[in-house]
Amino acid sequence: MKHSHSAGLWLAVLAAAGFSFKAILVKLAYAVPQLVPVEAVTLLALRMVFALPVFLWVGLRESRRSPPLGSGQWLAVGALGLLGYYGASILDFIGLRYISAGLERLILFTYPTLTLLIGALWFDRPIRRREWAALLLCYLGIAFAFFHDLNVSTEQRAIWIGAAFVFGSSFSYAFYLSGSARMIGALGTARFTALAMLVSTLATFAHFLATEPLTALQQPWSVYVLGAAMALFSTVIPVFAQGAAIRRIGSGPAALIGTLGPMLTILFGWWLLDEAISTAQIAGAALVVAGVILVGRGSGKH
């Protein structure tokens, strides 16, 4: 039992590191020298291509063991797949063209607080005092980090544009989370995640074919390597590591360990992308993490 708990802790850390490293890989791919930088939808398509075999295999395996989905369930999986793994991802990839990886991760980490707001507005779930405090901490922390980036950047308009795209990504993912709990209960985590990922893959391919020529897939080998790394280390491994961690230690502790994400992204950005670290940025990250922890502790008491 002790070994299982320890393994769960390390799996949660692995998931947090994998999710955090995605922004670094995207920024590295954008920085690959070539005449025309890779487009966001092309990079997302490459990520999906490399991840597709795993999720196709999981989806088929789990579906053989379970009864077929009804039309209503397919509609829900389709809508949630579009929101969570297509909508949130494409907005995030576009936003990363304009802002630092550290700021991206902090803005993206607002999804727990946005989930609270969605619950209050659409599901009549009241927001308690603790949760209002969490909202205040999160958005105060983002303000610290946001103004840090404004101060060090010569392209302030780009910061506003990128922040808007990433905030839209966080909002899309929050809608996905708000609607996914019921479907996970009905289909199971692995089956629902695989099917939602397959829907998002189809949407990504449709977006790519509608906006880019097939020749856009002809990229330098380093872009293919980064796309494969994104699929393996920042999609497949963390998705299943997070699920395994939740089974061993519970969703609450796994979520709290996930708050390492913003700090890890800031450190990775400083190490690999030469992104500046300031006291304001660290303070902002600490406030965001504190707000997410408050949300996690509060939700555990329902």
C-alpha atoms as a PDB file:
ATOM      1  CA  MET A   1       0.000   0.000   0.000  1.00  0.00           C
ATOM      2  CA  LYS A   2       2.844   2.351   0.891  1.00  0.00           C
ATOM      3  CA  HIS A   3       4.575   1.534  -2.393  1.00  0.00           C
ATOM      4  CA  SER A   4       1.355   2.231  -4.319  1.00  0.00           C
ATOM      5  CA  HIS A   5       0.956   5.621  -2.621  1.00  0.00           C
ATOM      6  CA  SER A   6       4.568   6.561  -3.364  1.00  0.00           C
ATOM      7  CA  ALA A   7       4.139   5.490  -6.991  1.00  0.00           C
ATOM      8  CA  GLY A   8       0.990   7.626  -7.187  1.00  0.00           C
ATOM      9  CA  LEU A   9       2.880  10.685  -5.957  1.00  0.00           C
ATOM     10  CA  TRP A  10       5.615  10.238  -8.555  1.00  0.00           C
ATOM     11  CA  LEU A  11       3.053   9.618 -11.306  1.00  0.00           C
ATOM     12  CA  ALA A  12       1.336  12.900 -10.387  1.00  0.00           C
ATOM     13  CA  VAL A  13       4.687  14.715 -10.548  1.00  0.00           C
ATOM     14  CA  LEU A  14       5.370  13.105 -13.936  1.00  0.00           C
ATOM     15  CA  ALA A  15       1.978  14.268 -15.216  1.00  0.00           C
ATOM     16  CA  ALA A  16       2.571  17.826 -13.976  1.00  0.00           C
ATOM     17  CA  ALA A  17       6.009  17.924 -15.609  1.00  0.00           C
ATOM     18  CA  GLY A  18       4.681  16.540 -18.898  1.00  0.00           C
ATOM     19  CA  PHE A  19       1.795  18.997 -19.137  1.00  0.00           C
ATOM     20  CA  SER A  20       4.122  21.859 -18.166  1.00  0.00           C
ATOM     21  CA  PHE A  21       6.657  20.976 -20.850  1.00  0.00           C
ATOM     22  CA  LYS A  22       4.113  21.285 -23.685  1.00  0.00           C
ATOM     23  CA  ALA A  23       4.483  25.071 -23.894  1.00  0.00           C
ATOM     24  CA  ILE A  24       8.271  24.717 -24.069  1.00  0.00           C
ATOM     25  CA  LEU A  25       8.035  22.267 -26.969  1.00  0.00           C
ATOM     26  CA  VAL A  26       5.610  24.538 -28.829  1.00  0.00           C
ATOM     27  CA  LYS A  27       7.910  27.557 -28.393  1.00  0.00           C
ATOM     28  CA  LEU A  28      10.916  25.511 -29.556  1.00  0.00           C
ATOM     29  CA  ALA A  29       8.995  24.409 -32.668  1.00  0.00           C
ATOM     30  CA  TYR A  30       8.068  28.005 -33.493  1.00  0.00           C
ATOM     31  CA  ALA A  31      11.743  28.956 -33.168  1.00  0.00           C
ATOM     32  CA  VAL A  32      13.009  26.357 -35.688  1.00  0.00           C
ATOM     33  CA  PRO A  33      14.765  28.324 -38.470  1.00  0.00           C
ATOM     34  CA  GLN A  34      12.897  28.147 -41.790  1.00  0.00           C
ATOM     35  CA  LEU A  35      11.538  30.525 -44.424  1.00  0.00           C
ATOM     36  CA  VAL A  36       7.935  30.213 -43.201  1.00  0.00           C
ATOM     37  CA  PRO A  37       7.498  29.416 -39.483  1.00  0.00           C
ATOM     38  CA  VAL A  38       5.218  26.474 -38.750  1.00  0.00           C
ATOM     39  CA  GLU A  39       1.571  27.425 -38.262  1.00  0.00           C
ATOM     40  CA  ALA A  40      -0.291  26.613 -35.045  1.00  0.00           C
ATOM     41  CA  VAL A  41      -2.773  24.273 -36.755  1.00  0.00           C
ATOM     42  CA  THR A  42       0.053  22.416 -38.549  1.00  0.00           C
ATOM     43  CA  LEU A  43       1.898  21.891 -35.281  1.00  0.00           C
ATOM     44  CA  LEU A  44      -1.298  20.741 -33.564  1.00  0.00           C
ATOM     45  CA  ALA A  45      -1.993  18.349 -36.477  1.00  0.00           C
ATOM     46  CA  LEU A  46       1.474  16.816 -36.083  1.00  0.00           C
ATOM     47  CA  ARG A  47       0.876  16.378 -32.348  1.00  0.00           C
ATOM     48  CA  MET A  48      -2.427  14.632 -33.051  1.00  0.00           C
ATOM     49  CA  VAL A  49      -0.938  12.399 -35.769  1.00  0.00           C
ATOM     50  CA  PHE A  50       1.715  11.071 -33.410  1.00  0.00           C
ATOM     51  CA  ALA A  51      -0.737  10.602 -30.519  1.00  0.00           C
ATOM     52  CA  LEU A  52      -3.519   9.096 -32.662  1.00  0.00           C
ATOM     53  CA  PRO A  53      -2.391   5.410 -32.638  1.00  0.00           C
ATOM     54  CA  VAL A  54      -2.393   5.254 -28.835  1.00  0.00           C
ATOM     55  CA  PHE A  55      -5.808   6.830 -28.358  1.00  0.00           C
ATOM     56  CA  LEU A  56      -7.267   4.818 -31.259  1.00  0.00           C
ATOM     57  CA  TRP A  57      -6.040   1.612 -29.639  1.00  0.00           C
ATOM     58  CA  VAL A  58      -7.388   2.607 -26.196  1.00  0.00           C
ATOM     59  CA  GLY A  59     -10.719   3.721 -27.651  1.00  0.00           C
ATOM     60  CA  LEU A  60     -11.212   0.461 -29.576  1.00  0.00           C
ATOM     61  CA  ARG A  61     -10.114  -1.700 -26.623  1.00  0.00           C
ATOM     62  CA  GLU A  62     -12.421   0.019 -24.147  1.00  0.00           C
ATOM     63  CA  SER A  63     -15.353   0.150 -26.574  1.00  0.00           C
ATOM     64  CA  ARG A  64     -15.180  -3.629 -27.172  1.00  0.00           C
ATOM     65  CA  ARG A  65     -15.618  -4.169 -23.430  1.00  0.00           C
ATOM     66  CA  SER A  66     -18.597  -1.822 -23.097  1.00  0.00           C
ATOM     67  CA  PRO A  67     -22.047  -1.323 -24.609  1.00  0.00           C
ATOM     68  CA  PRO A  68     -22.269   0.990 -27.646  1.00  0.00           C
ATOM     69  CA  LEU A  69     -22.878   4.693 -27.117  1.00  0.00           C
ATOM     70  CA  GLY A  70     -26.304   6.178 -27.671  1.00  0.00           C
ATOM     71  CA  SER A  71     -26.847   9.151 -29.976  1.00  0.00           C
ATOM     72  CA  GLY A  72     -26.998  11.537 -27.021  1.00  0.00           C
ATOM     73  CA  GLN A  73     -23.703  10.211 -25.673  1.00  0.00           C
ATOM     74  CA  TRP A  74     -22.025  10.571 -29.062  1.00  0.00           C
ATOM     75  CA  LEU A  75     -23.282  14.149 -29.256  1.00  0.00           C
ATOM     76  CA  ALA A  76     -21.872  14.896 -25.801  1.00  0.00           C
ATOM     77  CA  VAL A  77     -18.507  13.273 -26.593  1.00  0.00           C
ATOM     78  CA  GLY A  78     -18.344  15.243 -29.848  1.00  0.00           C
ATOM     79  CA  ALA A  79     -19.100  18.583 -28.202  1.00  0.00           C
ATOM     80  CA  LEU A  80     -16.699  17.985 -25.319  1.00  0.00           C
ATOM     81  CA  GLY A  81     -13.948  16.749 -27.638  1.00  0.00           C
ATOM     82  CA  LEU A  82     -14.272  19.937 -29.677  1.00  0.00           C
ATOM     83  CA  LEU A  83     -14.057  22.072 -26.544  1.00  0.00           C
ATOM     84  CA  GLY A  84     -11.346  20.264 -24.620  1.00  0.00           C
ATOM     85  CA  TYR A  85      -8.735  18.839 -26.945  1.00  0.00           C
ATOM     86  CA  TYR A  86      -9.348  20.816 -30.132  1.00  0.00           C
ATOM     87  CA  GLY A  87     -10.686  24.219 -29.090  1.00  0.00           C
ATOM     88  CA  ALA A  88      -8.517  24.639 -26.021  1.00  0.00           C
ATOM     89  CA  SER A  89      -5.420  23.344 -27.818  1.00  0.00           C
ATOM     90  CA  ILE A  90      -5.634  25.474 -30.965  1.00  0.00           C
ATOM     91  CA  LEU A  91      -6.266  28.655 -28.956  1.00  0.00           C
ATOM     92  CA  ASP A  92      -3.341  27.783 -26.687  1.00  0.00           C
ATOM     93  CA  PHE A  93      -0.990  27.100 -29.612  1.00  0.00           C
ATOM     94  CA  ILE A  94      -1.926  30.417 -31.247  1.00  0.00           C
ATOM     95  CA  GLY A  95      -1.449  32.288 -27.974  1.00  0.00           C
ATOM     96  CA  LEU A  96       2.035  30.864 -27.537  1.00  0.00           C
ATOM     97  CA  ARG A  97       3.110  32.712 -30.671  1.00  0.00           C
ATOM     98  CA  TYR A  98       2.758  35.954 -28.726  1.00  0.00           C
ATOM     99  CA  ILE A  99       3.552  35.356 -25.052  1.00  0.00           C
ATOM    100  CA  SER A 100       6.115  33.586 -22.906  1.00  0.00           C
ATOM    101  CA  ALA A 101       5.670  29.967 -21.849  1.00  0.00           C
ATOM    102  CA  GLY A 102       5.595  31.039 -18.184  1.00  0.00           C
ATOM    103  CA  LEU A 103       2.742  33.514 -18.671  1.00  0.00           C
ATOM    104  CA  GLU A 104       0.871  30.997 -20.830  1.00  0.00           C
ATOM    105  CA  ARG A 105       0.942  28.379 -18.092  1.00  0.00           C
ATOM    106  CA  LEU A 106      -0.259  30.835 -15.443  1.00  0.00           C
ATOM    107  CA  ILE A 107      -3.188  32.019 -17.573  1.00  0.00           C
ATOM    108  CA  LEU A 108      -4.050  28.456 -18.561  1.00  0.00           C
ATOM    109  CA  PHE A 109      -4.031  27.480 -14.896  1.00  0.00           C
ATOM    110  CA  THR A 110      -7.127  29.621 -14.294  1.00  0.00           C
ATOM    111  CA  TYR A 111      -9.325  26.773 -15.564  1.00  0.00           C
ATOM    112  CA  PRO A 112     -10.299  25.586 -12.021  1.00  0.00           C
ATOM    113  CA  THR A 113     -11.574  29.060 -11.135  1.00  0.00           C
ATOM    114  CA  LEU A 114     -13.326  29.407 -14.487  1.00  0.00           C
ATOM    115  CA  THR A 115     -14.984  26.051 -13.831  1.00  0.00           C
ATOM    116  CA  LEU A 116     -16.369  27.570 -10.624  1.00  0.00           C
ATOM    117  CA  LEU A 117     -17.764  30.542 -12.533  1.00  0.00           C
ATOM    118  CA  ILE A 118     -19.324  28.293 -15.183  1.00  0.00           C
ATOM    119  CA  GLY A 119     -20.930  26.214 -12.430  1.00  0.00           C
ATOM    120  CA  ALA A 120     -22.386  29.375 -10.873  1.00  0.00           C
ATOM    121  CA  LEU A 121     -23.677  30.838 -14.153  1.00  0.00           C
ATOM    122  CA  TRP A 122     -24.980  27.701 -15.900  1.00  0.00           C
ATOM    123  CA  PHE A 123     -25.618  25.177 -13.115  1.00  0.00           C
ATOM    124  CA  ASP A 124     -26.786  27.472 -10.283  1.00  0.00           C
ATOM    125  CA  ARG A 125     -23.961  26.376  -8.021  1.00  0.00           C
ATOM    126  CA  PRO A 126     -23.204  29.154  -5.494  1.00  0.00           C
ATOM    127  CA  ILE A 127     -19.609  30.363  -5.111  1.00  0.00           C
ATOM    128  CA  ARG A 128     -18.557  30.313  -1.465  1.00  0.00           C
ATOM    129  CA  ARG A 129     -16.320  32.775   0.363  1.00  0.00           C
ATOM    130  CA  ARG A 130     -13.266  30.516   0.127  1.00  0.00           C
ATOM    131  CA  GLU A 131     -13.752  30.216  -3.618  1.00  0.00           C
ATOM    132  CA  TRP A 132     -14.090  33.989  -4.077  1.00  0.00           C
ATOM    133  CA  ALA A 133     -10.765  34.306  -2.248  1.00  0.00           C
ATOM    134  CA  ALA A 134      -9.271  31.737  -4.640  1.00  0.00           C
ATOM    135  CA  LEU A 135     -10.526  33.712  -7.635  1.00  0.00           C
ATOM    136  CA  LEU A 136      -8.978  36.892  -6.251  1.00  0.00           C
ATOM    137  CA  LEU A 137      -5.614  35.211  -5.644  1.00  0.00           C
ATOM    138  CA  CYS A 138      -5.495  33.633  -9.120  1.00  0.00           C
ATOM    139  CA  TYR A 139      -6.289  36.768 -11.048  1.00  0.00           C
ATOM    140  CA  LEU A 140      -4.055  38.936  -8.873  1.00  0.00           C
ATOM    141  CA  GLY A 141      -1.234  36.473  -9.589  1.00  0.00           C
ATOM    142  CA  ILE A 142      -1.891  36.635 -13.331  1.00  0.00           C
ATOM    143  CA  ALA A 143      -1.829  40.426 -13.150  1.00  0.00           C
ATOM    144  CA  PHE A 144       1.641  40.287 -11.547  1.00  0.00           C
ATOM    145  CA  ALA A 145       2.966  37.967 -14.264  1.00  0.00           C
ATOM    146  CA  PHE A 146       1.155  39.845 -17.034  1.00  0.00           C
ATOM    147  CA  PHE A 147       2.707  43.189 -16.139  1.00  0.00           C
ATOM    148  CA  HIS A 148       6.096  41.494 -15.816  1.00  0.00           C
ATOM    149  CA  ASP A 149       5.810  40.405 -19.452  1.00  0.00           C
ATOM    150  CA  LEU A 150       4.579  43.853 -20.506  1.00  0.00           C
ATOM    151  CA  ASN A 151       7.619  45.443 -18.869  1.00  0.00           C
ATOM    152  CA  VAL A 152      10.188  43.145 -20.518  1.00  0.00           C
ATOM    153  CA  SER A 153       8.541  43.067 -23.972  1.00  0.00           C
ATOM    154  CA  THR A 154       8.831  45.626 -26.739  1.00  0.00           C
ATOM    155  CA  GLU A 155       5.653  44.214 -28.331  1.00  0.00           C
ATOM    156  CA  GLN A 156       2.996  45.040 -25.753  1.00  0.00           C
ATOM    157  CA  ARG A 157       0.135  44.573 -28.229  1.00  0.00           C
ATOM    158  CA  ALA A 158       1.338  41.002 -28.803  1.00  0.00           C
ATOM    159  CA  ILE A 159       1.129  40.319 -25.043  1.00  0.00           C
ATOM    160  CA  TRP A 160      -2.520  41.389 -24.983  1.00  0.00           C
ATOM    161  CA  ILE A 161      -3.346  39.296 -28.066  1.00  0.00           C
ATOM    162  CA  GLY A 162      -1.559  36.196 -26.782  1.00  0.00           C
ATOM    163  CA  ALA A 163      -3.083  36.496 -23.315  1.00  0.00           C
ATOM    164  CA  ALA A 164      -6.571  36.747 -24.857  1.00  0.00           C
ATOM    165  CA  PHE A 165      -6.059  33.573 -26.910  1.00  0.00           C
ATOM    166  CA  VAL A 166      -4.710  31.598 -23.933  1.00  0.00           C
ATOM    167  CA  PHE A 167      -7.501  32.841 -21.673  1.00  0.00           C
ATOM    168  CA  GLY A 168      -9.948  31.639 -24.340  1.00  0.00           C
ATOM    169  CA  SER A 169      -8.156  28.285 -24.220  1.00  0.00           C
ATOM    170  CA  SER A 170      -8.573  28.122 -20.453  1.00  0.00           C
ATOM    171  CA  PHE A 171     -12.268  28.989 -20.784  1.00  0.00           C
ATOM    172  CA  SER A 172     -12.765  26.266 -23.408  1.00  0.00           C
ATOM    173  CA  TYR A 173     -11.047  23.691 -21.195  1.00  0.00           C
ATOM    174  CA  ALA A 174     -13.152  24.775 -18.206  1.00  0.00           C
ATOM    175  CA  PHE A 175     -16.317  24.130 -20.222  1.00  0.00           C
ATOM    176  CA  TYR A 176     -14.906  20.722 -21.126  1.00  0.00           C
ATOM    177  CA  LEU A 177     -14.294  19.904 -17.456  1.00  0.00           C
ATOM    178  CA  SER A 178     -17.740  21.145 -16.438  1.00  0.00           C
ATOM    179  CA  GLY A 179     -19.438  18.798 -18.867  1.00  0.00           C
ATOM    180  CA  SER A 180     -17.098  15.809 -18.712  1.00  0.00           C
ATOM    181  CA  ALA A 181     -17.780  14.534 -15.172  1.00  0.00           C
ATOM    182  CA  ARG A 182     -21.086  12.926 -16.128  1.00  0.00           C
ATOM    183  CA  MET A 183     -19.630  11.346 -19.267  1.00  0.00           C
ATOM    184  CA  ILE A 184     -16.611   9.977 -17.372  1.00  0.00           C
ATOM    185  CA  GLY A 185     -19.025   8.404 -14.888  1.00  0.00           C
ATOM    186  CA  ALA A 186     -20.959   6.770 -17.719  1.00  0.00           C
ATOM    187  CA  LEU A 187     -18.090   5.694 -19.995  1.00  0.00           C
ATOM    188  CA  GLY A 188     -15.039   5.492 -17.750  1.00  0.00           C
ATOM    189  CA  THR A 189     -11.991   7.747 -17.833  1.00  0.00           C
ATOM    190  CA  ALA A 190      -9.947   5.846 -20.444  1.00  0.00           C
ATOM    191  CA  ARG A 191     -12.781   5.349 -22.925  1.00  0.00           C
ATOM    192  CA  PHE A 192     -14.103   8.897 -22.647  1.00  0.00           C
ATOM    193  CA  THR A 193     -10.625  10.460 -22.918  1.00  0.00           C
ATOM    194  CA  ALA A 194      -9.724   8.340 -25.946  1.00  0.00           C
ATOM    195  CA  LEU A 195     -12.999   9.084 -27.746  1.00  0.00           C
ATOM    196  CA  ALA A 196     -12.790  12.807 -26.988  1.00  0.00           C
ATOM    197  CA  MET A 197      -9.216  12.835 -28.290  1.00  0.00           C
ATOM    198  CA  LEU A 198     -10.316  11.082 -31.499  1.00  0.00           C
ATOM    199  CA  VAL A 199     -13.035  13.695 -32.049  1.00  0.00           C
ATOM    200  CA  SER A 200     -10.508  16.488 -31.528  1.00  0.00           C
ATOM    201  CA  THR A 201      -8.113  14.789 -33.951  1.00  0.00           C
ATOM    202  CA  LEU A 202     -10.769  14.761 -36.675  1.00  0.00           C
ATOM    203  CA  ALA A 203     -11.561  18.429 -35.983  1.00  0.00           C
ATOM    204  CA  THR A 204      -7.861  19.333 -36.143  1.00  0.00           C
ATOM    205  CA  PHE A 205      -7.415  17.527 -39.454  1.00  0.00           C
ATOM    206  CA  ALA A 206     -10.519  19.246 -40.870  1.00  0.00           C
ATOM    207  CA  HIS A 207      -9.176  22.630 -39.739  1.00  0.00           C
ATOM    208  CA  PHE A 208      -5.787  21.883 -41.274  1.00  0.00           C
ATOM    209  CA  LEU A 209      -7.218  20.727 -44.619  1.00  0.00           C
ATOM    210  CA  ALA A 210      -9.496  23.784 -44.786  1.00  0.00           C
ATOM    211  CA  THR A 211      -6.750  26.313 -44.130  1.00  0.00           C
ATOM    212  CA  GLU A 212      -3.386  24.837 -45.132  1.00  0.00           C
ATOM    213  CA  PRO A 213      -1.995  22.988 -48.197  1.00  0.00           C
ATOM    214  CA  LEU A 214      -0.731  19.457 -47.662  1.00  0.00           C
ATOM    215  CA  THR A 215       2.766  20.746 -48.372  1.00  0.00           C
ATOM    216  CA  ALA A 216       2.589  22.509 -44.989  1.00  0.00           C
ATOM    217  CA  LEU A 217       3.304  19.108 -43.458  1.00  0.00           C
ATOM    218  CA  GLN A 218       6.754  19.228 -45.039  1.00  0.00           C
ATOM    219  CA  GLN A 219       8.720  20.526 -42.070  1.00  0.00           C
ATOM    220  CA  PRO A 220      12.335  20.341 -40.889  1.00  0.00           C
ATOM    221  CA  TRP A 221      13.103  17.096 -39.060  1.00  0.00           C
ATOM    222  CA  SER A 222      13.380  18.993 -35.754  1.00  0.00           C
ATOM    223  CA  VAL A 223       9.713  20.052 -35.990  1.00  0.00           C
ATOM    224  CA  TYR A 224       8.713  16.382 -36.427  1.00  0.00           C
ATOM    225  CA  VAL A 225      10.827  15.452 -33.396  1.00  0.00           C
ATOM    226  CA  LEU A 226       9.228  18.204 -31.313  1.00  0.00           C
ATOM    227  CA  GLY A 227       5.740  17.193 -32.503  1.00  0.00           C
ATOM    228  CA  ALA A 228       6.395  13.572 -31.547  1.00  0.00           C
ATOM    229  CA  ALA A 229       7.783  14.657 -28.172  1.00  0.00           C
ATOM    230  CA  MET A 230       4.671  16.781 -27.641  1.00  0.00           C
ATOM    231  CA  ALA A 231       2.445  13.794 -28.408  1.00  0.00           C
ATOM    232  CA  LEU A 232       4.371  11.369 -26.214  1.00  0.00           C
ATOM    233  CA  PHE A 233       5.711  13.379 -23.292  1.00  0.00           C
ATOM    234  CA  SER A 234       3.064  16.143 -23.076  1.00  0.00           C
ATOM    235  CA  THR A 235      -0.062  14.253 -24.158  1.00  0.00           C
ATOM    236  CA  VAL A 236      -0.072  10.452 -23.928  1.00  0.00           C
ATOM    237  CA  ILE A 237       2.192   9.897 -20.905  1.00  0.00           C
ATOM    238  CA  PRO A 238       0.780  12.679 -18.668  1.00  0.00           C
ATOM    239  CA  VAL A 239      -2.847  11.814 -19.527  1.00  0.00           C
ATOM    240  CA  PHE A 240      -2.427   8.206 -18.412  1.00  0.00           C
ATOM    241  CA  ALA A 241      -0.010   9.064 -15.573  1.00  0.00           C
ATOM    242  CA  GLN A 242      -2.596  11.469 -14.169  1.00  0.00           C
ATOM    243  CA  GLY A 243      -5.293   8.800 -14.341  1.00  0.00           C
ATOM    244  CA  ALA A 244      -3.033   6.255 -12.624  1.00  0.00           C
ATOM    245  CA  ALA A 245      -2.088   8.802  -9.954  1.00  0.00           C
ATOM    246  CA  ILE A 246      -5.736   9.567  -9.212  1.00  0.00           C
ATOM    247  CA  ARG A 247      -6.455   5.849  -8.760  1.00  0.00           C
ATOM    248  CA  ARG A 248      -3.596   5.527  -6.246  1.00  0.00           C
ATOM    249  CA  ILE A 249      -3.747   8.747  -4.214  1.00  0.00           C
ATOM    250  CA  GLY A 250      -7.108  10.328  -5.076  1.00  0.00           C
ATOM    251  CA  SER A 251      -8.087  13.330  -7.185  1.00  0.00           C
ATOM    252  CA  GLY A 252      -7.463  15.922  -4.456  1.00  0.00           C
ATOM    253  CA  PRO A 253      -3.762  15.148  -3.817  1.00  0.00           C
ATOM    254  CA  ALA A 254      -3.178  14.634  -7.554  1.00  0.00           C
ATOM    255  CA  ALA A 255      -4.661  18.057  -8.293  1.00  0.00           C
ATOM    256  CA  LEU A 256      -2.540  19.693  -5.594  1.00  0.00           C
ATOM    257  CA  ILE A 257       0.639  18.152  -7.040  1.00  0.00           C
ATOM    258  CA  GLY A 258      -0.494  19.489 -10.406  1.00  0.00           C
ATOM    259  CA  THR A 259      -0.039  23.004  -9.014  1.00  0.00           C
ATOM    260  CA  LEU A 260       3.686  22.459  -9.589  1.00  0.00           C
ATOM    261  CA  GLY A 261       2.884  23.149 -13.252  1.00  0.00           C
ATOM    262  CA  PRO A 262       3.315  26.942 -13.437  1.00  0.00           C
ATOM    263  CA  MET A 263       6.570  26.869 -11.465  1.00  0.00           C
ATOM    264  CA  LEU A 264       7.953  24.072 -13.648  1.00  0.00           C
ATOM    265  CA  THR A 265       7.056  25.927 -16.855  1.00  0.00           C
ATOM    266  CA  ILE A 266       8.724  29.112 -15.598  1.00  0.00           C
ATOM    267  CA  LEU A 267      11.874  27.144 -14.755  1.00  0.00           C
ATOM    268  CA  PHE A 268      11.846  25.258 -18.067  1.00  0.00           C
ATOM    269  CA  GLY A 269      11.324  28.567 -19.915  1.00  0.00           C
ATOM    270  CA  TRP A 270      14.276  30.151 -18.135  1.00  0.00           C
ATOM    271  CA  TRP A 271      16.467  27.104 -18.771  1.00  0.00           C
ATOM    272  CA  LEU A 272      15.607  26.289 -22.401  1.00  0.00           C
ATOM    273  CA  LEU A 273      14.110  29.494 -23.837  1.00  0.00           C
ATOM    274  CA  ASP A 274      16.100  32.184 -21.994  1.00  0.00           C
ATOM    275  CA  GLU A 275      12.875  33.667 -20.623  1.00  0.00           C
ATOM    276  CA  ALA A 276      13.473  36.173 -17.846  1.00  0.00           C
ATOM    277  CA  ILE A 277      12.413  35.398 -14.277  1.00  0.00           C
ATOM    278  CA  SER A 278      11.524  38.275 -11.982  1.00  0.00           C
ATOM    279  CA  THR A 279      10.277  38.633  -8.423  1.00  0.00           C
ATOM    280  CA  ALA A 280       6.898  39.768  -9.789  1.00  0.00           C
ATOM    281  CA  GLN A 281       6.607  36.629 -11.910  1.00  0.00           C
ATOM    282  CA  ILE A 282       7.452  34.301  -9.033  1.00  0.00           C
ATOM    283  CA  ALA A 283       5.010  36.180  -6.779  1.00  0.00           C
ATOM    284  CA  GLY A 284       2.335  35.880  -9.458  1.00  0.00           C
ATOM    285  CA  ALA A 285       2.942  32.143  -9.820  1.00  0.00           C
ATOM    286  CA  ALA A 286       2.750  31.697  -6.045  1.00  0.00           C
ATOM    287  CA  LEU A 287      -0.590  33.548  -5.908  1.00  0.00           C
ATOM    288  CA  VAL A 288      -2.054  31.469  -8.744  1.00  0.00           C
ATOM    289  CA  VAL A 289      -0.925  28.228  -7.097  1.00  0.00           C
ATOM    290  CA  ALA A 290      -2.381  29.374  -3.761  1.00  0.00           C
ATOM    291  CA  GLY A 291      -5.698  30.136  -5.448  1.00  0.00           C
ATOM    292  CA  VAL A 292      -5.850  26.721  -7.135  1.00  0.00           C
ATOM    293  CA  ILE A 293      -5.019  25.015  -3.817  1.00  0.00           C
ATOM    294  CA  LEU A 294      -7.905  26.913  -2.189  1.00  0.00           C
ATOM    295  CA  VAL A 295     -10.257  25.730  -4.929  1.00  0.00           C
ATOM    296  CA  GLY A 296      -9.054  22.145  -4.486  1.00  0.00           C
ATOM    297  CA  ARG A 297      -9.504  22.157  -0.721  1.00  0.00           C
ATOM    298  CA  GLY A 298     -12.893  23.799  -0.989  1.00  0.00           C
ATOM    299  CA  SER A 299     -14.186  21.357  -3.584  1.00  0.00           C
ATOM    300  CA  GLY A 300     -13.160  18.437  -1.450  1.00  0.00           C
ATOM    301  CA  LYS A 301     -15.707  19.408   1.205  1.00  0.00           C
ATOM    302  CA  HIS A 302     -18.830  19.126  -0.932  1.00  0.00           C
END
